[in-house]
Amino acid sequence: MKTEKTDLLVIGAGPAGISAALYARRGGLAVTVVTKGIETGGLAKAEKIENYYGFAEPIPGKELLRRGAAGAERLGVQIIEDELLALSFNDTFDGFKAQAQQHEWEAPAVVLAAGASRRTLPLPGLSEFEGRGVSYCAICDAFFYRGKRVAVVGSGEYALHEAQVLLPHAGKVLLLTNGEPLQVKVPDAIEVCTQKLASVEGGDRVAGVRFEDGSELPLDGLFLAIGTAGSSELARKIGAMLDGTDVKVDAQQATNVPGLFAAGDCTGGLLQVAKAVHEGAVAGLSALRYVRGKRSGK
């Protein structure tokens, strides 16, 4: 897979991501937006939007998303439909590396705008064991499970990626689909369990999971990778601070990680298009200044 280079990688093609891309692109940066799909996310489900500036008549959420993306592409923003799997620091230069199913990118700056995190389970014991055997980041915590039994909850590409990160470290890796159909081809080294989960069990730490049929599976660690990697999951992998599931940012939409910015629903607060557009514009301009500073050596 050839690694592509861009000045700014924007993760998410909603109002926040597209606004960030527009402002950075107008400032002269090469901008790439990666999205699972233009017409995905909460806004795409809105039948009518009639509280947004500039529209005399209500507009469907999907149409607003299409118009936003078209405007960005007209200015030269590259929009790629792919599923992002991982975000990490680049070993060869001062910047970031992003891995998707079909693409890899290098960029000195990244804007997280993939929406709010909603990827958890109403599973007894799950929240109680967070930090005590329950994890949301394989690349962060794999080292602590050398030679141990671990499982990843999920059924798609993101879950498979997390399981493969764990394979070189753990003694045994399982994929728990929680009753969902398996969406990917899983290598023989990863055991698949399709039963519906009932609870996470343990004392001081995770000791295993219980399935709805009453059977139990002993485990030393449990990793959640449901659906696709959202902004908070990616932020956690790169060491950005969170407030609950919200990505923490300052007034310039900057995280505590240099070059990493966030905007929109993933930062919490008012979950509205107007707020997302504002934060996206600020994040895009902040990323523009950051990249210019790196080029000038400041």
Protein backbone atom coordinates (compact mmCIF):
# COMPACT_ATOMS: atom_id res chain seq x y z
CA MET A 1 0.00 0.00 0.00
CA LYS A 2 1.51 3.32 -1.10
CA THR A 3 1.65 6.03 1.54
CA GLU A 4 0.08 9.29 0.35
CA LYS A 5 1.20 12.69 1.63
CA THR A 6 -1.04 15.64 2.43
CA ASP A 7 -0.65 18.88 4.39
CA LEU A 8 -3.80 18.33 6.44
CA LEU A 9 -5.80 15.17 7.00
CA VAL A 10 -9.39 15.77 8.10
CA ILE A 11 -11.23 12.79 9.56
CA GLY A 12 -14.95 13.20 8.93
CA ALA A 13 -16.97 14.87 6.18
CA GLY A 14 -19.74 16.47 8.23
CA PRO A 15 -20.14 20.23 8.79
CA ALA A 16 -17.12 20.42 11.12
CA GLY A 17 -14.76 18.44 8.91
CA ILE A 18 -15.76 20.13 5.67
CA SER A 19 -15.55 23.60 7.24
CA ALA A 20 -12.04 22.82 8.50
CA ALA A 21 -11.08 21.58 5.05
CA LEU A 22 -12.49 24.68 3.33
CA TYR A 23 -10.59 27.17 5.49
CA ALA A 24 -7.32 25.23 5.33
CA ARG A 25 -7.62 24.78 1.57
CA ARG A 26 -8.33 28.46 0.96
CA GLY A 27 -5.16 29.15 2.95
CA GLY A 28 -3.16 27.11 0.46
CA LEU A 29 -2.84 23.70 2.10
CA ALA A 30 -3.29 20.41 0.32
CA VAL A 31 -6.23 18.90 2.20
CA THR A 32 -7.53 15.33 2.27
CA VAL A 33 -10.82 14.38 3.93
CA VAL A 34 -11.41 10.73 4.78
CA THR A 35 -14.95 9.57 5.51
CA LYS A 36 -16.85 6.31 5.77
CA GLY A 37 -19.42 7.97 3.49
CA ILE A 38 -20.69 11.47 2.73
CA GLU A 39 -24.27 10.59 3.68
CA THR A 40 -23.54 8.92 7.02
CA GLY A 41 -23.82 10.04 10.63
CA GLY A 42 -26.54 11.68 12.64
CA LEU A 43 -27.09 14.64 10.29
CA ALA A 44 -27.86 12.30 7.38
CA LYS A 45 -30.85 10.99 9.36
CA ALA A 46 -32.39 14.46 9.75
CA GLU A 47 -35.45 14.68 7.51
CA LYS A 48 -35.66 18.47 7.64
CA ILE A 49 -33.31 21.18 8.93
CA GLU A 50 -34.99 24.56 9.30
CA ASN A 51 -32.92 26.31 11.95
CA TYR A 52 -29.77 26.89 9.93
CA TYR A 53 -28.76 30.26 8.48
CA GLY A 54 -29.22 30.88 4.76
CA PHE A 55 -32.01 28.45 3.87
CA ALA A 56 -35.49 29.91 3.39
CA GLU A 57 -36.97 26.42 3.12
CA PRO A 58 -36.17 23.30 5.16
CA ILE A 59 -33.36 21.16 3.74
CA PRO A 60 -32.81 17.42 4.29
CA GLY A 61 -29.67 16.53 6.21
CA LYS A 62 -28.34 14.40 3.36
CA GLU A 63 -28.69 17.29 0.92
CA LEU A 64 -26.83 19.65 3.25
CA LEU A 65 -24.00 17.13 3.50
CA ARG A 66 -23.86 16.70 -0.29
CA ARG A 67 -23.72 20.46 -0.85
CA GLY A 68 -20.97 20.86 1.71
CA ALA A 69 -18.82 18.16 0.14
CA ALA A 70 -19.39 19.52 -3.38
CA GLY A 71 -18.27 22.99 -2.30
CA ALA A 72 -15.08 21.60 -0.78
CA GLU A 73 -14.27 19.54 -3.87
CA ARG A 74 -14.77 22.61 -6.06
CA LEU A 75 -11.94 24.29 -4.17
CA GLY A 76 -9.66 21.28 -4.59
CA VAL A 77 -10.23 19.35 -1.36
CA GLN A 78 -9.74 15.61 -1.92
CA ILE A 79 -12.51 13.55 -0.35
CA ILE A 80 -11.80 9.84 0.03
CA GLU A 81 -14.38 7.26 1.09
CA ASP A 82 -12.62 4.68 3.22
CA GLU A 83 -12.76 3.31 6.77
CA LEU A 84 -10.02 4.73 8.99
CA LEU A 85 -8.54 2.10 11.29
CA ALA A 86 -5.65 3.75 13.14
CA LEU A 87 -3.92 7.05 13.80
CA SER A 88 -0.36 7.15 15.10
CA PHE A 89 2.80 9.22 15.20
CA ASN A 90 5.04 8.89 12.15
CA ASP A 91 8.46 7.37 12.83
CA THR A 92 10.20 9.02 9.87
CA PHE A 93 9.11 12.64 10.21
CA ASP A 94 7.48 14.96 12.71
CA GLY A 95 3.83 14.29 12.01
CA PHE A 96 1.10 11.67 11.86
CA LYS A 97 0.38 8.45 10.03
CA ALA A 98 -3.18 7.32 9.34
CA GLN A 99 -4.13 3.84 8.20
CA ALA A 100 -7.39 3.02 6.44
CA GLN A 101 -8.59 -0.14 4.74
CA GLN A 102 -7.33 0.93 1.31
CA HIS A 103 -5.12 3.97 1.99
CA GLU A 104 -2.31 5.26 4.19
CA TRP A 105 -1.51 8.93 4.70
CA GLU A 106 1.26 11.03 6.21
CA ALA A 107 0.38 14.53 7.37
CA PRO A 108 1.92 17.14 9.68
CA ALA A 109 -1.54 18.06 11.03
CA VAL A 110 -4.85 16.26 11.61
CA VAL A 111 -8.38 17.48 12.40
CA LEU A 112 -10.65 15.01 14.18
CA ALA A 113 -14.25 15.64 13.11
CA ALA A 114 -15.78 12.17 12.99
CA GLY A 115 -18.68 12.96 15.29
CA ALA A 116 -19.56 12.02 18.84
CA SER A 117 -18.61 8.67 20.30
CA ARG A 118 -21.59 6.35 20.68
CA ARG A 119 -19.74 3.03 20.53
CA THR A 120 -20.25 1.23 23.80
CA LEU A 121 -22.51 -1.48 25.18
CA PRO A 122 -25.11 -1.45 27.98
CA LEU A 123 -23.25 -4.40 29.45
CA PRO A 124 -23.15 -4.96 33.24
CA GLY A 125 -19.60 -4.66 34.52
CA LEU A 126 -18.22 -2.89 31.45
CA SER A 127 -17.85 0.63 32.84
CA GLU A 128 -16.88 -0.68 36.28
CA PHE A 129 -13.80 -2.44 34.85
CA GLU A 130 -12.56 0.39 32.62
CA GLY A 131 -8.85 0.72 33.35
CA ARG A 132 -8.93 -2.61 35.18
CA GLY A 133 -9.00 -4.95 32.21
CA VAL A 134 -11.43 -3.13 29.92
CA SER A 135 -9.70 -1.03 27.27
CA TYR A 136 -10.61 0.92 24.15
CA CYS A 137 -7.13 1.08 22.61
CA ALA A 138 -5.14 -2.00 21.59
CA ILE A 139 -2.04 -0.10 20.51
CA CYS A 140 -1.99 1.69 23.88
CA ASP A 141 -2.40 -1.34 26.13
CA ALA A 142 -1.27 -4.41 24.17
CA PHE A 143 2.10 -4.42 25.96
CA PHE A 144 0.38 -5.07 29.31
CA TYR A 145 -1.17 -8.32 28.07
CA ARG A 146 1.93 -10.22 27.00
CA GLY A 147 1.17 -13.93 27.03
CA LYS A 148 -2.35 -13.42 28.37
CA ARG A 149 -5.87 -14.18 27.12
CA VAL A 150 -7.66 -11.18 25.63
CA ALA A 151 -10.77 -10.59 23.55
CA VAL A 152 -11.97 -7.82 21.25
CA VAL A 153 -15.69 -7.00 21.07
CA GLY A 154 -16.77 -6.14 17.53
CA SER A 155 -17.49 -7.69 14.17
CA GLY A 156 -15.99 -5.38 11.51
CA GLU A 157 -12.69 -4.13 10.12
CA TYR A 158 -11.96 -1.96 13.14
CA ALA A 159 -12.34 -4.91 15.52
CA LEU A 160 -10.16 -7.10 13.30
CA HIS A 161 -7.48 -4.41 13.22
CA GLU A 162 -7.44 -4.17 17.03
CA ALA A 163 -7.23 -7.97 17.32
CA GLN A 164 -4.29 -8.06 14.92
CA VAL A 165 -2.50 -5.38 16.96
CA LEU A 166 -2.87 -7.65 20.01
CA LEU A 167 -1.70 -10.86 18.29
CA PRO A 168 2.10 -10.35 18.63
CA HIS A 169 1.72 -9.68 22.36
CA ALA A 170 -1.11 -11.79 23.77
CA GLY A 171 -0.99 -15.54 24.26
CA LYS A 172 -4.56 -15.90 22.94
CA VAL A 173 -6.78 -13.43 21.05
CA LEU A 174 -10.53 -13.89 20.57
CA LEU A 175 -13.08 -11.86 18.64
CA LEU A 176 -16.50 -11.59 20.31
CA THR A 177 -19.23 -10.51 17.88
CA ASN A 178 -21.92 -10.24 20.59
CA GLY A 179 -24.49 -11.91 18.35
CA GLU A 180 -23.71 -9.71 15.34
CA PRO A 181 -22.84 -11.29 11.97
CA LEU A 182 -19.12 -11.36 11.22
CA GLN A 183 -18.30 -8.75 8.54
CA VAL A 184 -14.67 -9.67 7.83
CA LYS A 185 -12.47 -12.66 7.10
CA VAL A 186 -10.64 -13.54 10.30
CA PRO A 187 -7.29 -15.37 10.28
CA ASP A 188 -7.03 -18.75 12.01
CA ALA A 189 -4.89 -17.29 14.81
CA ILE A 190 -7.93 -15.36 16.10
CA GLU A 191 -10.77 -17.42 17.58
CA VAL A 192 -14.30 -16.11 16.91
CA CYS A 193 -17.16 -16.36 19.41
CA THR A 194 -20.60 -15.29 18.18
CA GLN A 195 -22.65 -15.67 21.38
CA LYS A 196 -24.54 -12.74 22.85
CA LEU A 197 -22.79 -11.19 25.84
CA ALA A 198 -24.54 -10.87 29.20
CA SER A 199 -21.91 -9.32 31.52
CA VAL A 200 -18.28 -8.68 32.29
CA GLU A 201 -17.10 -10.63 35.33
CA GLY A 202 -14.26 -10.21 37.79
CA GLY A 203 -13.06 -9.00 41.18
CA ASP A 204 -10.31 -6.40 41.31
CA ARG A 205 -9.81 -6.86 37.55
CA VAL A 206 -11.57 -8.46 34.61
CA ALA A 207 -11.68 -12.23 34.94
CA GLY A 208 -13.88 -13.00 31.94
CA VAL A 209 -17.27 -12.56 30.33
CA ARG A 210 -20.58 -14.35 30.74
CA PHE A 211 -22.75 -15.14 27.73
CA GLU A 212 -26.56 -15.10 27.66
CA ASP A 213 -26.65 -18.91 27.59
CA GLY A 214 -24.92 -18.90 31.01
CA SER A 215 -21.53 -20.07 29.79
CA GLU A 216 -18.40 -18.17 30.80
CA LEU A 217 -15.18 -17.30 29.00
CA PRO A 218 -12.10 -16.62 31.14
CA LEU A 219 -10.13 -13.53 30.04
CA ASP A 220 -7.40 -11.23 31.31
CA GLY A 221 -8.48 -8.28 29.17
CA LEU A 222 -11.39 -7.04 27.08
CA PHE A 223 -11.06 -4.48 24.27
CA LEU A 224 -14.01 -2.67 22.68
CA ALA A 225 -13.94 -1.96 18.94
CA ILE A 226 -17.59 -1.66 17.93
CA GLY A 227 -18.45 -0.22 14.53
CA THR A 228 -15.79 2.15 13.19
CA ALA A 229 -13.12 4.19 14.95
CA GLY A 230 -14.62 7.54 15.97
CA SER A 231 -12.88 10.73 17.05
CA SER A 232 -12.57 9.82 20.73
CA GLU A 233 -11.16 6.37 19.93
CA LEU A 234 -8.57 7.90 17.58
CA ALA A 235 -7.76 10.66 20.08
CA ARG A 236 -7.19 8.09 22.81
CA LYS A 237 -4.80 6.12 20.60
CA ILE A 238 -2.61 9.18 20.00
CA GLY A 239 -2.56 10.33 23.62
CA ALA A 240 -5.02 13.23 23.38
CA MET A 241 -6.90 14.09 26.57
CA LEU A 242 -10.58 13.24 26.86
CA ASP A 243 -13.35 14.53 29.10
CA GLY A 244 -15.48 11.42 29.34
CA THR A 245 -15.94 10.60 25.65
CA ASP A 246 -15.42 14.21 24.47
CA VAL A 247 -12.09 15.28 23.00
CA LYS A 248 -10.63 18.12 25.09
CA VAL A 249 -9.65 21.21 23.08
CA ASP A 250 -8.66 24.81 23.79
CA ALA A 251 -10.10 27.98 22.22
CA GLN A 252 -8.19 27.23 19.00
CA GLN A 253 -9.65 23.70 18.81
CA ALA A 254 -6.20 22.30 19.58
CA THR A 255 -5.75 19.15 21.67
CA ASN A 256 -2.81 18.60 24.00
CA VAL A 257 -1.05 16.79 21.12
CA PRO A 258 0.80 19.26 18.83
CA GLY A 259 -0.71 19.25 15.35
CA LEU A 260 -3.89 17.45 16.41
CA PHE A 261 -7.12 19.46 16.36
CA ALA A 262 -10.77 18.48 16.92
CA ALA A 263 -14.11 20.03 16.03
CA GLY A 264 -17.83 19.32 16.04
CA ASP A 265 -19.86 16.84 18.05
CA CYS A 266 -16.71 15.02 19.25
CA THR A 267 -15.84 17.99 21.49
CA GLY A 268 -19.20 17.89 23.28
CA GLY A 269 -21.49 20.82 24.04
CA LEU A 270 -24.20 21.94 21.63
CA LEU A 271 -24.76 19.21 19.03
CA GLN A 272 -25.85 21.55 16.26
CA VAL A 273 -24.68 22.29 12.71
CA ALA A 274 -23.96 25.93 13.53
CA LYS A 275 -21.58 24.98 16.35
CA ALA A 276 -19.87 22.34 14.19
CA VAL A 277 -19.29 24.81 11.33
CA HIS A 278 -17.81 27.39 13.71
CA GLU A 279 -15.46 24.91 15.38
CA GLY A 280 -14.46 23.47 12.01
CA ALA A 281 -13.53 26.93 10.71
CA VAL A 282 -11.43 27.61 13.82
CA ALA A 283 -9.75 24.18 13.59
CA GLY A 284 -8.97 24.66 9.89
CA LEU A 285 -7.37 28.07 10.48
CA SER A 286 -5.44 26.76 13.50
CA ALA A 287 -4.13 23.83 11.46
CA LEU A 288 -3.16 26.24 8.68
CA ARG A 289 -1.11 28.35 11.10
CA TYR A 290 0.45 25.22 12.60
CA VAL A 291 1.59 23.84 9.23
CA ARG A 292 2.90 27.23 8.11
CA GLY A 293 4.84 27.48 11.37
CA LYS A 294 6.42 24.07 10.85
CA ARG A 295 7.45 25.02 7.32
CA SER A 296 9.08 28.25 8.50
CA GLY A 297 10.77 26.51 11.40
CA LYS A 298 8.83 28.42 14.05
